[in-house]
PDB file of N, CA and C in Angstrom:
ATOM      1  N   MET A   1      24.939  48.951  -5.104  1.00  0.00           N
ATOM      2  CA  MET A   1      24.806  47.927  -5.964  1.00  0.00           C
ATOM      3  C   MET A   1      24.595  46.555  -5.434  1.00  0.00           C
ATOM      4  N   LYS A   2      23.613  45.808  -6.288  1.00  0.00           N
ATOM      5  CA  LYS A   2      23.157  44.705  -5.806  1.00  0.00           C
ATOM      6  C   LYS A   2      24.231  43.421  -6.588  1.00  0.00           C
ATOM      7  N   GLU A   3      24.588  42.638  -5.487  1.00  0.00           N
ATOM      8  CA  GLU A   3      25.358  41.409  -6.043  1.00  0.00           C
ATOM      9  C   GLU A   3      24.460  40.369  -6.785  1.00  0.00           C
ATOM     10  N   LYS A   4      24.867  39.774  -7.895  1.00  0.00           N
ATOM     11  CA  LYS A   4      24.326  38.592  -8.606  1.00  0.00           C
ATOM     12  C   LYS A   4      24.449  37.405  -7.824  1.00  0.00           C
ATOM     13  N   GLN A   5      23.128  36.999  -7.557  1.00  0.00           N
ATOM     14  CA  GLN A   5      23.292  35.382  -6.819  1.00  0.00           C
ATOM     15  C   GLN A   5      23.189  34.347  -7.810  1.00  0.00           C
ATOM     16  N   THR A   6      24.179  33.534  -7.583  1.00  0.00           N
ATOM     17  CA  THR A   6      24.389  32.454  -8.527  1.00  0.00           C
ATOM     18  C   THR A   6      23.767  31.069  -7.758  1.00  0.00           C
ATOM     19  N   LEU A   7      23.450  30.418  -8.317  1.00  0.00           N
ATOM     20  CA  LEU A   7      23.144  28.909  -7.798  1.00  0.00           C
ATOM     21  C   LEU A   7      24.119  27.960  -7.724  1.00  0.00           C
ATOM     22  N   THR A   8      24.366  27.141  -6.625  1.00  0.00           N
ATOM     23  CA  THR A   8      25.318  25.931  -6.257  1.00  0.00           C
ATOM     24  C   THR A   8      24.947  25.002  -7.431  1.00  0.00           C
ATOM     25  N   ARG A   9      25.757  24.005  -7.376  1.00  0.00           N
ATOM     26  CA  ARG A   9      25.750  22.912  -8.589  1.00  0.00           C
ATOM     27  C   ARG A   9      24.451  22.064  -8.005  1.00  0.00           C
ATOM     28  N   LYS A  10      24.274  21.818  -6.698  1.00  0.00           N
ATOM     29  CA  LYS A  10      23.085  21.168  -6.129  1.00  0.00           C
ATOM     30  C   LYS A  10      21.884  21.901  -6.438  1.00  0.00           C
ATOM     31  N   GLY A  11      22.041  23.271  -6.268  1.00  0.00           N
ATOM     32  CA  GLY A  11      20.697  24.197  -6.582  1.00  0.00           C
ATOM     33  C   GLY A  11      20.350  24.012  -8.150  1.00  0.00           C
ATOM     34  N   LYS A  12      21.270  23.874  -8.979  1.00  0.00           N
ATOM     35  CA  LYS A  12      21.013  23.816 -10.434  1.00  0.00           C
ATOM     36  C   LYS A  12      20.262  22.404 -10.683  1.00  0.00           C
ATOM     37  N   VAL A  13      21.019  21.419 -10.147  1.00  0.00           N
ATOM     38  CA  VAL A  13      20.364  19.949 -10.418  1.00  0.00           C
ATOM     39  C   VAL A  13      18.922  19.775  -9.703  1.00  0.00           C
ATOM     40  N   LEU A  14      18.654  20.452  -8.781  1.00  0.00           N
ATOM     41  CA  LEU A  14      17.297  20.367  -8.156  1.00  0.00           C
ATOM     42  C   LEU A  14      16.354  21.245  -8.980  1.00  0.00           C
ATOM     43  N   SER A  15      16.674  22.384  -9.590  1.00  0.00           N
ATOM     44  CA  SER A  15      15.922  23.196 -10.375  1.00  0.00           C
ATOM     45  C   SER A  15      15.596  22.573 -11.623  1.00  0.00           C
ATOM     46  N   ILE A  16      16.439  21.758 -12.194  1.00  0.00           N
ATOM     47  CA  ILE A  16      16.520  21.158 -13.477  1.00  0.00           C
ATOM     48  C   ILE A  16      15.372  19.872 -13.203  1.00  0.00           C
ATOM     49  N   ILE A  17      15.673  19.010 -12.106  1.00  0.00           N
ATOM     50  CA  ILE A  17      14.601  18.090 -11.835  1.00  0.00           C
ATOM     51  C   ILE A  17      13.126  18.549 -11.660  1.00  0.00           C
ATOM     52  N   TYR A  18      12.986  19.633 -10.918  1.00  0.00           N
ATOM     53  CA  TYR A  18      11.878  20.326 -10.574  1.00  0.00           C
ATOM     54  C   TYR A  18      11.269  20.764 -12.264  1.00  0.00           C
ATOM     55  N   VAL A  19      12.049  21.217 -13.056  1.00  0.00           N
ATOM     56  CA  VAL A  19      11.437  21.862 -14.456  1.00  0.00           C
ATOM     57  C   VAL A  19      11.050  20.361 -15.171  1.00  0.00           C
ATOM     58  N   VAL A  20      11.564  19.493 -15.047  1.00  0.00           N
ATOM     59  CA  VAL A  20      11.503  18.317 -15.728  1.00  0.00           C
ATOM     60  C   VAL A  20      10.097  17.535 -15.126  1.00  0.00           C
ATOM     61  N   LEU A  21      10.039  17.624 -13.958  1.00  0.00           N
ATOM     62  CA  LEU A  21       8.903  16.838 -13.418  1.00  0.00           C
ATOM     63  C   LEU A  21       7.751  17.523 -13.501  1.00  0.00           C
ATOM     64  N   VAL A  22       7.544  19.079 -13.543  1.00  0.00           N
ATOM     65  CA  VAL A  22       6.517  19.727 -13.851  1.00  0.00           C
ATOM     66  C   VAL A  22       6.197  19.675 -15.103  1.00  0.00           C
ATOM     67  N   ALA A  23       7.044  19.574 -16.180  1.00  0.00           N
ATOM     68  CA  ALA A  23       6.888  19.547 -17.555  1.00  0.00           C
ATOM     69  C   ALA A  23       6.105  18.152 -17.889  1.00  0.00           C
ATOM     70  N   PHE A  24       6.746  16.992 -17.244  1.00  0.00           N
ATOM     71  CA  PHE A  24       6.283  15.805 -17.417  1.00  0.00           C
ATOM     72  C   PHE A  24       4.679  15.483 -16.952  1.00  0.00           C
ATOM     73  N   PHE A  25       4.661  15.955 -15.817  1.00  0.00           N
ATOM     74  CA  PHE A  25       3.338  16.093 -15.135  1.00  0.00           C
ATOM     75  C   PHE A  25       2.248  16.878 -15.666  1.00  0.00           C
ATOM     76  N   THR A  26       2.690  18.083 -16.594  1.00  0.00           N
ATOM     77  CA  THR A  26       1.745  19.080 -17.248  1.00  0.00           C
ATOM     78  C   THR A  26       1.478  18.422 -18.732  1.00  0.00           C
ATOM     79  N   LEU A  27       2.510  18.081 -19.437  1.00  0.00           N
ATOM     80  CA  LEU A  27       2.562  17.842 -20.925  1.00  0.00           C
ATOM     81  C   LEU A  27       2.152  16.043 -21.137  1.00  0.00           C
ATOM     82  N   GLY A  28       2.560  15.459 -19.971  1.00  0.00           N
ATOM     83  CA  GLY A  28       2.567  14.081 -20.074  1.00  0.00           C
ATOM     84  C   GLY A  28       1.123  13.281 -19.879  1.00  0.00           C
ATOM     85  N   LEU A  29       0.071  14.293 -19.311  1.00  0.00           N
ATOM     86  CA  LEU A  29      -1.204  13.684 -19.131  1.00  0.00           C
ATOM     87  C   LEU A  29      -1.996  13.450 -20.205  1.00  0.00           C
ATOM     88  N   THR A  30      -2.715  12.410 -20.331  1.00  0.00           N
ATOM     89  CA  THR A  30      -3.858  12.088 -21.253  1.00  0.00           C
ATOM     90  C   THR A  30      -5.184  12.127 -20.768  1.00  0.00           C
ATOM     91  N   PRO A  31      -6.007  12.744 -21.570  1.00  0.00           N
ATOM     92  CA  PRO A  31      -7.398  12.565 -20.773  1.00  0.00           C
ATOM     93  C   PRO A  31      -8.006  11.160 -21.010  1.00  0.00           C
ATOM     94  N   VAL A  32      -8.727  10.917 -20.054  1.00  0.00           N
ATOM     95  CA  VAL A  32      -8.902   9.676 -20.068  1.00  0.00           C
ATOM     96  C   VAL A  32     -10.680   9.663 -19.784  1.00  0.00           C
ATOM     97  N   HIS A  33     -11.364   8.932 -21.075  1.00  0.00           N
ATOM     98  CA  HIS A  33     -12.786   9.156 -20.973  1.00  0.00           C
ATOM     99  C   HIS A  33     -13.438   7.613 -20.521  1.00  0.00           C
ATOM    100  N   ALA A  34     -14.341   7.942 -19.529  1.00  0.00           N
ATOM    101  CA  ALA A  34     -14.871   7.016 -19.017  1.00  0.00           C
ATOM    102  C   ALA A  34     -15.699   6.096 -19.851  1.00  0.00           C
ATOM    103  N   GLU A  35     -15.690   4.884 -19.782  1.00  0.00           N
ATOM    104  CA  GLU A  35     -16.564   4.109 -20.716  1.00  0.00           C
ATOM    105  C   GLU A  35     -17.371   3.219 -20.001  1.00  0.00           C
ATOM    106  N   GLY A  36     -18.620   3.009 -20.485  1.00  0.00           N
ATOM    107  CA  GLY A  36     -19.420   2.025 -19.621  1.00  0.00           C
ATOM    108  C   GLY A  36     -20.237   2.680 -18.279  1.00  0.00           C
ATOM    109  N   ASP A  37     -20.441   1.631 -17.738  1.00  0.00           N
ATOM    110  CA  ASP A  37     -21.471   2.201 -16.303  1.00  0.00           C
ATOM    111  C   ASP A  37     -20.172   2.443 -15.276  1.00  0.00           C
ATOM    112  N   PRO A  38     -20.560   3.419 -14.618  1.00  0.00           N
ATOM    113  CA  PRO A  38     -19.616   3.908 -13.558  1.00  0.00           C
ATOM    114  C   PRO A  38     -19.633   3.048 -12.086  1.00  0.00           C
ATOM    115  N   LEU A  39     -20.612   2.394 -11.963  1.00  0.00           N
ATOM    116  CA  LEU A  39     -20.620   1.523 -10.826  1.00  0.00           C
ATOM    117  C   LEU A  39     -19.701   0.232 -11.284  1.00  0.00           C
ATOM    118  N   THR A  40     -19.631  -0.124 -12.532  1.00  0.00           N
ATOM    119  CA  THR A  40     -18.751  -1.264 -12.788  1.00  0.00           C
ATOM    120  C   THR A  40     -17.143  -0.875 -12.567  1.00  0.00           C
ATOM    121  N   VAL A  41     -17.016   0.277 -12.919  1.00  0.00           N
ATOM    122  CA  VAL A  41     -15.698   0.872 -12.532  1.00  0.00           C
ATOM    123  C   VAL A  41     -15.222   0.874 -11.011  1.00  0.00           C
ATOM    124  N   ILE A  42     -16.220   1.291 -10.339  1.00  0.00           N
ATOM    125  CA  ILE A  42     -15.986   1.333  -8.931  1.00  0.00           C
ATOM    126  C   ILE A  42     -15.948   0.029  -8.184  1.00  0.00           C
ATOM    127  N   ASN A  43     -16.791  -0.837  -8.802  1.00  0.00           N
ATOM    128  CA  ASN A  43     -16.586  -2.277  -8.326  1.00  0.00           C
ATOM    129  C   ASN A  43     -15.440  -2.994  -8.651  1.00  0.00           C
ATOM    130  N   ASN A  44     -14.954  -2.831  -9.738  1.00  0.00           N
ATOM    131  CA  ASN A  44     -13.720  -3.290 -10.261  1.00  0.00           C
ATOM    132  C   ASN A  44     -12.462  -2.660  -9.394  1.00  0.00           C
ATOM    133  N   LEU A  45     -12.658  -1.275  -9.052  1.00  0.00           N
ATOM    134  CA  LEU A  45     -11.548  -0.812  -8.218  1.00  0.00           C
ATOM    135  C   LEU A  45     -11.611  -1.299  -6.861  1.00  0.00           C
ATOM    136  N   SER A  46     -12.658  -1.441  -6.328  1.00  0.00           N
ATOM    137  CA  SER A  46     -13.069  -2.208  -5.132  1.00  0.00           C
ATOM    138  C   SER A  46     -12.237  -3.670  -4.837  1.00  0.00           C
ATOM    139  N   ASN A  47     -12.583  -4.463  -6.090  1.00  0.00           N
ATOM    140  CA  ASN A  47     -12.220  -5.805  -6.134  1.00  0.00           C
ATOM    141  C   ASN A  47     -10.432  -5.773  -6.168  1.00  0.00           C
ATOM    142  N   PHE A  48      -9.929  -4.804  -6.876  1.00  0.00           N
ATOM    143  CA  PHE A  48      -8.640  -4.650  -6.768  1.00  0.00           C
ATOM    144  C   PHE A  48      -7.952  -4.214  -5.661  1.00  0.00           C
ATOM    145  N   ILE A  49      -8.658  -3.407  -4.778  1.00  0.00           N
ATOM    146  CA  ILE A  49      -8.179  -2.897  -3.311  1.00  0.00           C
ATOM    147  C   ILE A  49      -8.312  -4.080  -2.544  1.00  0.00           C
ATOM    148  N   PHE A  50      -9.486  -4.744  -2.681  1.00  0.00           N
ATOM    149  CA  PHE A  50      -9.800  -5.757  -1.449  1.00  0.00           C
ATOM    150  C   PHE A  50      -8.704  -7.121  -2.003  1.00  0.00           C
ATOM    151  N   GLY A  51      -8.323  -7.124  -3.047  1.00  0.00           N
ATOM    152  CA  GLY A  51      -7.324  -7.961  -3.575  1.00  0.00           C
ATOM    153  C   GLY A  51      -5.907  -7.805  -2.980  1.00  0.00           C
ATOM    154  N   LEU A  52      -5.402  -6.737  -3.097  1.00  0.00           N
ATOM    155  CA  LEU A  52      -4.289  -6.019  -2.482  1.00  0.00           C
ATOM    156  C   LEU A  52      -4.452  -6.689  -0.782  1.00  0.00           C
ATOM    157  N   ILE A  53      -5.455  -6.117  -0.272  1.00  0.00           N
ATOM    158  CA  ILE A  53      -5.748  -6.301   1.198  1.00  0.00           C
ATOM    159  C   ILE A  53      -5.604  -7.832   1.529  1.00  0.00           C
ATOM    160  N   ARG A  54      -6.392  -8.495   0.679  1.00  0.00           N
ATOM    161  CA  ARG A  54      -6.203  -9.924   0.857  1.00  0.00           C
ATOM    162  C   ARG A  54      -4.661 -10.556   0.753  1.00  0.00           C
ATOM    163  N   ALA A  55      -4.100  -9.925   0.018  1.00  0.00           N
ATOM    164  CA  ALA A  55      -2.633 -10.392  -0.430  1.00  0.00           C
ATOM    165  C   ALA A  55      -1.586 -10.209   0.972  1.00  0.00           C
ATOM    166  N   ILE A  56      -1.921  -8.913   1.716  1.00  0.00           N
ATOM    167  CA  ILE A  56      -1.304  -8.413   2.987  1.00  0.00           C
ATOM    168  C   ILE A  56      -1.622  -9.300   3.958  1.00  0.00           C
ATOM    169  N   GLY A  57      -2.932  -9.769   4.130  1.00  0.00           N
ATOM    170  CA  GLY A  57      -3.544 -10.483   5.060  1.00  0.00           C
ATOM    171  C   GLY A  57      -2.770 -11.946   4.988  1.00  0.00           C
ATOM    172  N   MET A  58      -2.830 -12.357   3.663  1.00  0.00           N
ATOM    173  CA  MET A  58      -2.050 -13.605   3.521  1.00  0.00           C
ATOM    174  C   MET A  58      -0.539 -13.589   4.074  1.00  0.00           C
ATOM    175  N   ILE A  59       0.168 -12.700   3.891  1.00  0.00           N
ATOM    176  CA  ILE A  59       1.559 -12.418   4.240  1.00  0.00           C
ATOM    177  C   ILE A  59       1.460 -12.513   5.486  1.00  0.00           C
ATOM    178  N   LEU A  60       0.711 -11.652   6.278  1.00  0.00           N
ATOM    179  CA  LEU A  60       0.660 -11.766   7.701  1.00  0.00           C
ATOM    180  C   LEU A  60       0.418 -13.215   8.195  1.00  0.00           C
ATOM    181  N   LEU A  61      -0.528 -13.761   7.522  1.00  0.00           N
ATOM    182  CA  LEU A  61      -0.829 -15.300   8.080  1.00  0.00           C
ATOM    183  C   LEU A  61       0.441 -15.996   8.002  1.00  0.00           C
ATOM    184  N   GLY A  62       1.224 -16.067   6.937  1.00  0.00           N
ATOM    185  CA  GLY A  62       2.152 -16.913   6.942  1.00  0.00           C
ATOM    186  C   GLY A  62       3.170 -16.357   7.910  1.00  0.00           C
ATOM    187  N   PHE A  63       3.517 -15.002   8.160  1.00  0.00           N
ATOM    188  CA  PHE A  63       4.382 -14.724   9.101  1.00  0.00           C
ATOM    189  C   PHE A  63       3.955 -15.039  10.490  1.00  0.00           C
ATOM    190  N   GLY A  64       2.691 -14.963  10.831  1.00  0.00           N
ATOM    191  CA  GLY A  64       2.275 -15.437  12.159  1.00  0.00           C
ATOM    192  C   GLY A  64       2.589 -16.736  12.147  1.00  0.00           C
ATOM    193  N   ILE A  65       2.410 -17.941  11.342  1.00  0.00           N
ATOM    194  CA  ILE A  65       2.580 -19.211  11.524  1.00  0.00           C
ATOM    195  C   ILE A  65       4.229 -19.324  11.605  1.00  0.00           C
ATOM    196  N   VAL A  66       5.000 -18.676  10.929  1.00  0.00           N
ATOM    197  CA  VAL A  66       6.471 -18.678  11.395  1.00  0.00           C
ATOM    198  C   VAL A  66       6.610 -18.244  12.677  1.00  0.00           C
ATOM    199  N   GLN A  67       6.238 -17.380  13.070  1.00  0.00           N
ATOM    200  CA  GLN A  67       6.407 -16.994  14.555  1.00  0.00           C
ATOM    201  C   GLN A  67       5.783 -17.997  15.463  1.00  0.00           C
ATOM    202  N   ILE A  68       4.674 -18.501  15.262  1.00  0.00           N
ATOM    203  CA  ILE A  68       4.345 -19.618  16.222  1.00  0.00           C
ATOM    204  C   ILE A  68       5.453 -20.736  16.242  1.00  0.00           C
ATOM    205  N   GLY A  69       5.721 -21.065  14.983  1.00  0.00           N
ATOM    206  CA  GLY A  69       6.653 -22.275  14.926  1.00  0.00           C
ATOM    207  C   GLY A  69       7.964 -21.967  15.638  1.00  0.00           C
ATOM    208  N   LEU A  70       8.624 -20.872  15.325  1.00  0.00           N
ATOM    209  CA  LEU A  70       9.749 -20.440  16.030  1.00  0.00           C
ATOM    210  C   LEU A  70       9.628 -20.184  17.561  1.00  0.00           C
ATOM    211  N   SER A  71       8.554 -19.692  18.083  1.00  0.00           N
ATOM    212  CA  SER A  71       8.193 -19.661  19.460  1.00  0.00           C
ATOM    213  C   SER A  71       8.218 -21.279  20.075  1.00  0.00           C
ATOM    214  N   LEU A  72       7.478 -22.091  19.462  1.00  0.00           N
ATOM    215  CA  LEU A  72       7.575 -23.455  20.109  1.00  0.00           C
ATOM    216  C   LEU A  72       9.020 -24.173  19.991  1.00  0.00           C
ATOM    217  N   LYS A  73       9.551 -23.612  19.143  1.00  0.00           N
ATOM    218  CA  LYS A  73      11.137 -24.344  19.074  1.00  0.00           C
ATOM    219  C   LYS A  73      11.834 -23.762  20.219  1.00  0.00           C
ATOM    220  N   SER A  74      11.577 -22.249  20.513  1.00  0.00           N
ATOM    221  CA  SER A  74      12.483 -21.574  21.478  1.00  0.00           C
ATOM    222  C   SER A  74      11.986 -21.628  22.706  1.00  0.00           C
ATOM    223  N   HIS A  75      10.701 -22.161  23.000  1.00  0.00           N
ATOM    224  CA  HIS A  75       9.970 -21.962  24.199  1.00  0.00           C
ATOM    225  C   HIS A  75       9.913 -20.647  24.652  1.00  0.00           C
ATOM    226  N   ASP A  76       9.511 -19.521  23.922  1.00  0.00           N
ATOM    227  CA  ASP A  76       9.442 -18.289  24.142  1.00  0.00           C
ATOM    228  C   ASP A  76       7.850 -17.985  24.309  1.00  0.00           C
ATOM    229  N   PRO A  77       7.259 -17.611  25.566  1.00  0.00           N
ATOM    230  CA  PRO A  77       5.751 -17.425  25.527  1.00  0.00           C
ATOM    231  C   PRO A  77       5.462 -15.949  24.875  1.00  0.00           C
ATOM    232  N   SER A  78       6.263 -14.833  24.919  1.00  0.00           N
ATOM    233  CA  SER A  78       5.883 -13.767  24.457  1.00  0.00           C
ATOM    234  C   SER A  78       5.935 -13.763  22.955  1.00  0.00           C
ATOM    235  N   GLN A  79       6.826 -14.548  22.174  1.00  0.00           N
ATOM    236  CA  GLN A  79       6.785 -14.577  20.730  1.00  0.00           C
ATOM    237  C   GLN A  79       5.643 -15.484  20.326  1.00  0.00           C
ATOM    238  N   ARG A  80       5.203 -16.538  21.182  1.00  0.00           N
ATOM    239  CA  ARG A  80       4.083 -17.301  20.890  1.00  0.00           C
ATOM    240  C   ARG A  80       2.986 -16.451  20.853  1.00  0.00           C
ATOM    241  N   ALA A  81       2.754 -15.551  21.971  1.00  0.00           N
ATOM    242  CA  ALA A  81       1.502 -14.754  21.962  1.00  0.00           C
ATOM    243  C   ALA A  81       1.528 -13.757  20.684  1.00  0.00           C
ATOM    244  N   ASN A  82       2.504 -13.196  20.514  1.00  0.00           N
ATOM    245  CA  ASN A  82       2.828 -12.270  19.107  1.00  0.00           C
ATOM    246  C   ASN A  82       2.458 -13.051  17.803  1.00  0.00           C
ATOM    247  N   GLY A  83       2.776 -14.240  17.823  1.00  0.00           N
ATOM    248  CA  GLY A  83       2.424 -15.092  16.765  1.00  0.00           C
ATOM    249  C   GLY A  83       0.853 -15.526  16.497  1.00  0.00           C
ATOM    250  N   PHE A  84       0.514 -15.694  17.580  1.00  0.00           N
ATOM    251  CA  PHE A  84      -0.943 -15.972  17.573  1.00  0.00           C
ATOM    252  C   PHE A  84      -1.896 -14.616  17.378  1.00  0.00           C
ATOM    253  N   LEU A  85      -1.311 -13.432  17.770  1.00  0.00           N
ATOM    254  CA  LEU A  85      -1.970 -12.321  17.360  1.00  0.00           C
ATOM    255  C   LEU A  85      -1.848 -11.860  15.860  1.00  0.00           C
ATOM    256  N   THR A  86      -0.464 -12.162  15.341  1.00  0.00           N
ATOM    257  CA  THR A  86      -0.481 -11.975  14.027  1.00  0.00           C
ATOM    258  C   THR A  86      -1.371 -12.735  13.322  1.00  0.00           C
ATOM    259  N   LEU A  87      -1.314 -13.909  13.568  1.00  0.00           N
ATOM    260  CA  LEU A  87      -2.183 -14.935  12.806  1.00  0.00           C
ATOM    261  C   LEU A  87      -3.572 -14.599  12.863  1.00  0.00           C
ATOM    262  N   ALA A  88      -4.061 -14.111  14.174  1.00  0.00           N
ATOM    263  CA  ALA A  88      -5.504 -13.742  14.055  1.00  0.00           C
ATOM    264  C   ALA A  88      -5.774 -12.335  13.390  1.00  0.00           C
ATOM    265  N   GLY A  89      -4.613 -11.390  13.326  1.00  0.00           N
ATOM    266  CA  GLY A  89      -4.797 -10.334  12.632  1.00  0.00           C
ATOM    267  C   GLY A  89      -4.666 -10.455  10.977  1.00  0.00           C
ATOM    268  N   GLY A  90      -4.094 -11.384  10.593  1.00  0.00           N
ATOM    269  CA  GLY A  90      -4.071 -12.116   9.408  1.00  0.00           C
ATOM    270  C   GLY A  90      -5.212 -12.581   8.802  1.00  0.00           C
ATOM    271  N   VAL A  91      -5.925 -13.446   9.552  1.00  0.00           N
ATOM    272  CA  VAL A  91      -7.050 -13.940   9.292  1.00  0.00           C
ATOM    273  C   VAL A  91      -8.190 -12.859   8.991  1.00  0.00           C
ATOM    274  N   ILE A  92      -8.023 -11.985  10.076  1.00  0.00           N
ATOM    275  CA  ILE A  92      -9.284 -10.852   9.935  1.00  0.00           C
ATOM    276  C   ILE A  92      -8.915 -10.066   8.659  1.00  0.00           C
ATOM    277  N   ILE A  93      -7.836  -9.498   8.315  1.00  0.00           N
ATOM    278  CA  ILE A  93      -7.327  -8.978   7.145  1.00  0.00           C
ATOM    279  C   ILE A  93      -7.672  -9.564   6.058  1.00  0.00           C
ATOM    280  N   THR A  94      -7.289 -11.029   5.914  1.00  0.00           N
ATOM    281  CA  THR A  94      -7.609 -11.822   4.738  1.00  0.00           C
ATOM    282  C   THR A  94      -9.148 -11.840   4.302  1.00  0.00           C
ATOM    283  N   PHE A  95      -9.882 -12.067   5.418  1.00  0.00           N
ATOM    284  CA  PHE A  95     -11.247 -12.047   5.057  1.00  0.00           C
ATOM    285  C   PHE A  95     -12.056 -10.909   5.553  1.00  0.00           C
ATOM    286  N   ALA A  96     -11.369  -9.549   5.201  1.00  0.00           N
ATOM    287  CA  ALA A  96     -12.011  -8.411   5.402  1.00  0.00           C
ATOM    288  C   ALA A  96     -13.246  -7.995   4.739  1.00  0.00           C
ATOM    289  N   LYS A  97     -13.260  -8.399   3.127  1.00  0.00           N
ATOM    290  CA  LYS A  97     -14.245  -8.002   2.180  1.00  0.00           C
ATOM    291  C   LYS A  97     -15.582  -8.912   2.716  1.00  0.00           C
ATOM    292  N   GLU A  98     -15.135 -10.168   3.071  1.00  0.00           N
ATOM    293  CA  GLU A  98     -16.330 -10.987   3.519  1.00  0.00           C
ATOM    294  C   GLU A  98     -16.974 -10.568   4.651  1.00  0.00           C
ATOM    295  N   ILE A  99     -16.310 -10.139   5.837  1.00  0.00           N
ATOM    296  CA  ILE A  99     -16.673  -9.722   6.854  1.00  0.00           C
ATOM    297  C   ILE A  99     -17.543  -8.382   6.817  1.00  0.00           C
ATOM    298  N   LEU A 100     -17.119  -7.528   5.970  1.00  0.00           N
ATOM    299  CA  LEU A 100     -17.844  -6.208   5.631  1.00  0.00           C
ATOM    300  C   LEU A 100     -19.209  -6.521   4.869  1.00  0.00           C
ATOM    301  N   ASN A 101     -18.961  -7.462   4.142  1.00  0.00           N
ATOM    302  CA  ASN A 101     -20.278  -8.052   3.483  1.00  0.00           C
ATOM    303  C   ASN A 101     -21.414  -8.473   4.250  1.00  0.00           C
ATOM    304  N   THR A 102     -20.746  -9.234   5.316  1.00  0.00           N
ATOM    305  CA  THR A 102     -21.667 -10.023   6.109  1.00  0.00           C
ATOM    306  C   THR A 102     -22.265  -8.817   7.178  1.00  0.00           C
ATOM    307  N   ILE A 103     -21.543  -7.760   7.588  1.00  0.00           N
ATOM    308  CA  ILE A 103     -21.983  -6.996   8.472  1.00  0.00           C
ATOM    309  C   ILE A 103     -23.028  -5.969   7.768  1.00  0.00           C
ATOM    310  N   ALA A 104     -22.670  -5.512   6.494  1.00  0.00           N
ATOM    311  CA  ALA A 104     -23.578  -4.738   5.850  1.00  0.00           C
ATOM    312  C   ALA A 104     -24.783  -5.491   5.459  1.00  0.00           C
ATOM    313  N   GLY A 105     -24.931  -6.721   5.330  1.00  0.00           N
ATOM    314  CA  GLY A 105     -26.042  -7.359   4.846  1.00  0.00           C
ATOM    315  C   GLY A 105     -26.208  -7.546   3.731  1.00  0.00           C
TER     316      GLY A 105
END
């Protein structure tokens, strides 16, 4: 005779969470109807993504400046080198869209 398997409390909670997530993603989806020119939508998405990339670049620029300032105070050449590399990376990331537009023509 087979024994009946029972779920533990953790198994019950995980199965409930799974069922709720599946129901949410299947029943909670709304159809989206695109309106207007598809190129406009793609350009808006591109501008949004490059805006996020620019924000990350600005954060890196600020962090690089702070690293350079701290290295000048503590006379640490390796931290100074890391600060200049972070600063250069931040500049490149901040102006990534302009660099790509210049390369592409």
